[in-house]
């Protein structure tokens, strides 16, 4: 997450035009699940208090982004699981069969027909 300072205002992940007008910028990469900061970069001149404020805003932004990404990925995984359970997957005696199993069975049945 990137936090530029434009005048007296600190912003979170602003546009390229706003970034060009910034007097300073703090960028962080944060592994939220491990609570580890993996990148801290600051460009430009800013008071210590302002830099601390931008760092905190960037870390908060990373945490919120992480939570949102986790929710979206979980929802997508749920949809994929539901769709794969309803299309192209059969069952024999309670066991799930994938596309490759079904293709092999179909090919074996074809060979059996030719042999007769």
Foldseek 3Di string as FASTA:
>chain_A
DKWFAAPNDIDDPDDPVSVVRGQKMWAWDAPVVVRDTDDTDMDHDDDPVVVVVNVVVNVVVNVVVVVVVVVVVVVVVVVVVVVQVVPQWDDDPRDIDHNVVVVVVVVVVVVVVVVD
